[in-house]
Amino acid sequence: MSGFPSDVQPVASVLAEIPLFRVLGESGIENTARAGIARRYRAGQIIIHQGDPGESLYVVLDGLVKVVFTTEHGDEIVLNMLGRGDTFGELALLDNSPRSASIVTVRPAWVFALPRARLLELMREHPGLADEFLRMLGHMVRRLTDQAADLAFLDLGGRLAKLLLQLADKHGQDDGVVDLPGLTQSDLAALIGASRPAVNRALQSLVARNLIAVKGRAITLLDVAALRKRGGL
């Protein structure tokens, strides 16, 4: 991979970690990295706006972003958090429909955009890519199903414990600290279908039971086993 433009090699390295692109093989991944554009964003920047045309598939190469849905009245709901190797913009690609949500950086991010036309070409050239794309959509549906089940069967404390474990596993530090400066208690509340005051009370309850420690916006998981039990895991 020597001799590539400076940003192609690191982009290809991340794409190679993702099952969706791995089926292309080394040369296919390299060509895909050349076919898109990688951009860097500051914390708090909007990458795509809800309602924008669905013209590209995006990959988070580094950093952390949140998926935000805005209602007609201007209320915002955080639907998901995405980090290195995660993709977004899949649904709009299927029928070329407008974006159903906005993507906002939680911390500085490096994001790759692959044009829809090139992705469809790749699917025709590599049938395995279409299979992986369908598998990725299946994972998305299962995640939404799990969220619906959590709302039905877990109380607020259980949903919060499960969310903290998920954030720690995917975006936390090695010492069990979840420190996401761009993620507010309102965002946590939106992710588990609750109000900010209710989440604040639930956090304090977990603190009182020595399951977590809270300092500013940093949350340290003190008793993972108990949190897993609380979250029904």
Protein backbone atom coordinates (compact mmCIF):
# COMPACT_ATOMS: atom_id res chain seq x y z
CA MET A 1 0.00 0.00 0.00
CA SER A 2 3.02 2.25 -0.22
CA GLY A 3 2.89 5.10 -2.67
CA PHE A 4 -0.76 5.97 -1.87
CA PRO A 5 -1.81 9.52 -1.06
CA SER A 6 -1.21 10.15 2.63
CA ASP A 7 -4.85 9.66 3.71
CA VAL A 8 -5.64 6.53 1.64
CA GLN A 9 -3.57 4.04 3.61
CA PRO A 10 -5.06 4.85 7.06
CA VAL A 11 -8.58 4.94 5.59
CA ALA A 12 -8.06 1.53 3.98
CA SER A 13 -6.71 0.16 7.28
CA VAL A 14 -9.93 1.03 9.10
CA LEU A 15 -12.16 -0.19 6.26
CA ALA A 16 -10.33 -3.53 6.40
CA GLU A 17 -11.53 -3.98 10.01
CA ILE A 18 -15.21 -3.73 8.98
CA PRO A 19 -16.98 -6.91 7.74
CA LEU A 20 -18.94 -4.88 5.17
CA PHE A 21 -15.75 -3.96 3.29
CA ARG A 22 -13.59 -6.94 4.19
CA VAL A 23 -15.29 -9.02 1.49
CA LEU A 24 -13.72 -6.73 -1.16
CA GLY A 25 -10.21 -7.99 -0.52
CA GLU A 26 -7.11 -5.82 -0.22
CA SER A 27 -7.22 -4.28 -3.70
CA GLY A 28 -10.97 -3.65 -3.48
CA ILE A 29 -10.57 -1.91 -0.13
CA GLU A 30 -7.77 0.25 -1.50
CA ASN A 31 -9.91 1.28 -4.49
CA THR A 32 -12.83 2.02 -2.17
CA ALA A 33 -10.65 4.24 0.00
CA ARG A 34 -9.65 6.16 -3.12
CA ALA A 35 -13.30 6.52 -4.25
CA GLY A 36 -14.49 8.42 -1.17
CA ILE A 37 -13.56 11.47 0.86
CA ALA A 38 -12.24 11.51 4.45
CA ARG A 39 -12.84 14.66 6.49
CA ARG A 40 -12.00 15.73 10.03
CA TYR A 41 -14.56 17.44 12.27
CA ARG A 42 -14.34 19.38 15.52
CA ALA A 43 -16.35 18.37 18.61
CA GLY A 44 -19.92 19.64 18.36
CA GLN A 45 -19.90 19.87 14.56
CA ILE A 46 -22.81 18.60 12.46
CA ILE A 47 -21.68 16.09 9.82
CA ILE A 48 -25.06 15.66 8.15
CA HIS A 49 -28.38 17.37 8.80
CA GLN A 50 -31.71 15.63 9.15
CA GLY A 51 -33.47 16.04 5.80
CA ASP A 52 -30.26 16.19 3.74
CA PRO A 53 -30.17 14.06 0.55
CA GLY A 54 -28.99 10.49 1.14
CA GLU A 55 -26.01 10.56 -1.22
CA SER A 56 -23.28 8.70 0.70
CA LEU A 57 -22.53 5.93 3.15
CA TYR A 58 -20.39 7.16 6.05
CA VAL A 59 -17.79 5.36 8.17
CA VAL A 60 -16.42 6.67 11.48
CA LEU A 61 -12.67 6.23 11.13
CA ASP A 62 -11.91 7.78 14.52
CA GLY A 63 -13.72 9.73 17.23
CA LEU A 64 -17.30 9.61 18.46
CA VAL A 65 -20.59 10.88 17.03
CA LYS A 66 -24.23 10.80 18.07
CA VAL A 67 -27.35 10.23 15.98
CA VAL A 68 -29.89 12.96 16.75
CA PHE A 69 -33.55 13.10 15.67
CA THR A 70 -35.28 16.48 15.85
CA THR A 71 -39.08 16.71 16.17
CA GLU A 72 -41.27 19.27 14.40
CA HIS A 73 -41.28 21.29 17.63
CA GLY A 74 -37.48 21.39 17.84
CA ASP A 75 -37.05 18.78 20.57
CA GLU A 76 -33.98 16.56 20.13
CA ILE A 77 -33.69 12.84 20.83
CA VAL A 78 -30.39 10.96 20.79
CA LEU A 79 -30.91 7.62 19.05
CA ASN A 80 -27.43 6.10 19.12
CA MET A 81 -23.70 6.63 19.68
CA LEU A 82 -21.19 5.60 17.01
CA GLY A 83 -17.42 5.18 17.17
CA ARG A 84 -14.50 3.79 15.15
CA GLY A 85 -15.64 1.31 12.50
CA ASP A 86 -19.34 2.16 12.78
CA THR A 87 -21.33 3.23 9.73
CA PHE A 88 -24.27 5.56 9.27
CA GLY A 89 -26.50 6.72 6.42
CA GLU A 90 -27.49 3.19 5.35
CA LEU A 91 -31.26 3.67 5.28
CA ALA A 92 -31.22 6.73 3.04
CA LEU A 93 -29.13 4.79 0.52
CA LEU A 94 -31.80 2.16 -0.02
CA ASP A 95 -34.38 4.46 -1.61
CA ASN A 96 -32.36 7.68 -2.00
CA SER A 97 -34.58 9.28 0.64
CA PRO A 98 -33.65 12.28 2.85
CA ARG A 99 -31.64 11.67 6.02
CA SER A 100 -33.88 10.60 8.89
CA ALA A 101 -31.59 12.08 11.58
CA SER A 102 -28.61 14.38 12.06
CA ILE A 103 -25.11 13.23 12.96
CA VAL A 104 -23.22 15.40 15.47
CA THR A 105 -19.68 14.88 16.76
CA VAL A 106 -19.36 14.21 20.50
CA ARG A 107 -15.58 14.53 20.27
CA PRO A 108 -13.30 15.29 17.31
CA ALA A 109 -13.95 12.78 14.55
CA TRP A 110 -12.50 11.58 11.27
CA VAL A 111 -15.22 10.37 8.90
CA PHE A 112 -15.13 8.70 5.47
CA ALA A 113 -17.93 9.26 2.93
CA LEU A 114 -18.45 6.79 0.07
CA PRO A 115 -20.79 8.03 -2.71
CA ARG A 116 -23.98 6.01 -3.20
CA ALA A 117 -23.25 5.46 -6.89
CA ARG A 118 -19.85 3.90 -6.10
CA LEU A 119 -21.33 1.69 -3.36
CA LEU A 120 -23.95 0.34 -5.79
CA GLU A 121 -21.22 -0.33 -8.36
CA LEU A 122 -19.25 -2.25 -5.75
CA MET A 123 -22.32 -4.33 -4.88
CA ARG A 124 -22.71 -5.30 -8.54
CA GLU A 125 -19.02 -6.16 -8.80
CA HIS A 126 -18.91 -8.01 -5.45
CA PRO A 127 -22.21 -9.79 -4.60
CA GLY A 128 -20.81 -10.57 -1.15
CA LEU A 129 -20.91 -6.87 -0.35
CA ALA A 130 -24.69 -6.81 -0.81
CA ASP A 131 -24.99 -9.79 1.55
CA GLU A 132 -22.92 -7.97 4.18
CA PHE A 133 -25.00 -4.82 3.71
CA LEU A 134 -28.19 -6.81 4.39
CA ARG A 135 -26.52 -8.40 7.43
CA MET A 136 -25.63 -4.93 8.71
CA LEU A 137 -29.25 -3.81 8.33
CA GLY A 138 -30.30 -6.93 10.21
CA HIS A 139 -28.05 -5.94 13.13
CA MET A 140 -29.69 -2.51 13.10
CA VAL A 141 -33.18 -4.02 13.29
CA ARG A 142 -32.14 -6.33 16.14
CA ARG A 143 -30.69 -3.37 18.06
CA LEU A 144 -33.96 -1.48 17.70
CA THR A 145 -35.86 -4.59 18.80
CA ASP A 146 -33.64 -4.90 21.87
CA GLN A 147 -34.27 -1.23 22.71
CA ALA A 148 -38.03 -1.77 22.46
CA ALA A 149 -37.76 -4.83 24.72
CA ASP A 150 -35.72 -2.88 27.27
CA LEU A 151 -38.41 -0.18 27.42
CA ALA A 152 -41.01 -2.87 28.03
CA PHE A 153 -39.20 -5.11 30.52
CA LEU A 154 -36.50 -3.06 32.30
CA ASP A 155 -37.10 -0.24 34.74
CA LEU A 156 -35.20 3.03 34.41
CA GLY A 157 -32.34 1.93 36.66
CA GLY A 158 -31.92 -1.27 34.68
CA ARG A 159 -31.90 0.55 31.36
CA LEU A 160 -29.35 3.05 32.68
CA ALA A 161 -27.07 0.29 34.03
CA LYS A 162 -27.20 -1.51 30.66
CA LEU A 163 -26.46 1.72 28.76
CA LEU A 164 -23.46 2.54 30.96
CA LEU A 165 -22.05 -0.94 30.39
CA GLN A 166 -22.51 -0.58 26.63
CA LEU A 167 -20.85 2.85 26.59
CA ALA A 168 -17.96 1.57 28.71
CA ASP A 169 -17.48 -1.46 26.48
CA LYS A 170 -17.46 0.51 23.24
CA HIS A 171 -16.24 3.99 24.14
CA GLY A 172 -14.86 3.79 27.68
CA GLN A 173 -11.33 3.72 29.03
CA ASP A 174 -9.47 0.66 30.27
CA ASP A 175 -10.10 1.60 33.91
CA GLY A 176 -13.89 1.50 33.47
CA VAL A 177 -14.29 5.26 33.11
CA VAL A 178 -16.93 6.62 30.73
CA ASP A 179 -15.87 10.19 30.01
CA LEU A 180 -17.67 11.66 27.00
CA PRO A 181 -17.59 15.46 27.38
CA GLY A 182 -20.11 15.99 24.59
CA LEU A 183 -22.64 13.58 26.09
CA THR A 184 -25.05 15.22 28.55
CA GLN A 185 -27.50 13.73 31.03
CA SER A 186 -30.22 14.78 28.59
CA ASP A 187 -28.51 12.64 25.94
CA LEU A 188 -28.36 9.69 28.34
CA ALA A 189 -32.03 10.19 29.09
CA ALA A 190 -32.94 10.21 25.38
CA LEU A 191 -30.99 7.01 24.78
CA ILE A 192 -33.08 5.11 27.34
CA GLY A 193 -36.43 6.86 26.93
CA ALA A 194 -36.48 8.90 30.14
CA SER A 195 -36.35 12.49 31.38
CA ARG A 196 -33.14 14.20 32.50
CA PRO A 197 -34.30 14.61 36.15
CA ALA A 198 -35.22 10.91 36.26
CA VAL A 199 -31.80 9.91 34.93
CA ASN A 200 -30.11 12.18 37.48
CA ARG A 201 -31.99 10.41 40.28
CA ALA A 202 -31.13 7.00 38.84
CA LEU A 203 -27.44 7.93 38.66
CA GLN A 204 -27.50 9.04 42.29
CA SER A 205 -29.15 5.76 43.24
CA LEU A 206 -26.34 3.80 41.56
CA VAL A 207 -23.80 6.03 43.32
CA ALA A 208 -25.46 5.40 46.70
CA ARG A 209 -25.18 1.65 46.12
CA ASN A 210 -21.46 2.01 45.20
CA LEU A 211 -22.05 0.67 41.71
CA ILE A 212 -20.67 3.79 40.01
CA ALA A 213 -18.84 7.00 40.87
CA VAL A 214 -19.64 10.32 39.18
CA LYS A 215 -17.25 13.24 38.85
CA GLY A 216 -18.43 15.96 36.51
CA ARG A 217 -19.46 14.15 33.36
CA ALA A 218 -17.06 11.26 33.98
CA ILE A 219 -18.69 8.05 35.24
CA THR A 220 -16.59 5.23 36.70
CA LEU A 221 -18.06 1.72 36.83
CA LEU A 222 -17.16 0.32 40.25
CA ASP A 223 -19.10 -2.97 40.28
CA VAL A 224 -19.54 -4.35 36.76
CA ALA A 225 -21.07 -7.64 37.94
CA ALA A 226 -23.78 -5.84 39.92
CA LEU A 227 -24.44 -3.48 37.01
CA ARG A 228 -24.82 -6.43 34.66
CA LYS A 229 -27.34 -8.00 37.02
CA ARG A 230 -29.17 -4.68 37.34
CA GLY A 231 -29.30 -4.40 33.54
CA GLY A 232 -30.64 -7.90 33.06
CA LEU A 233 -27.46 -9.14 31.36
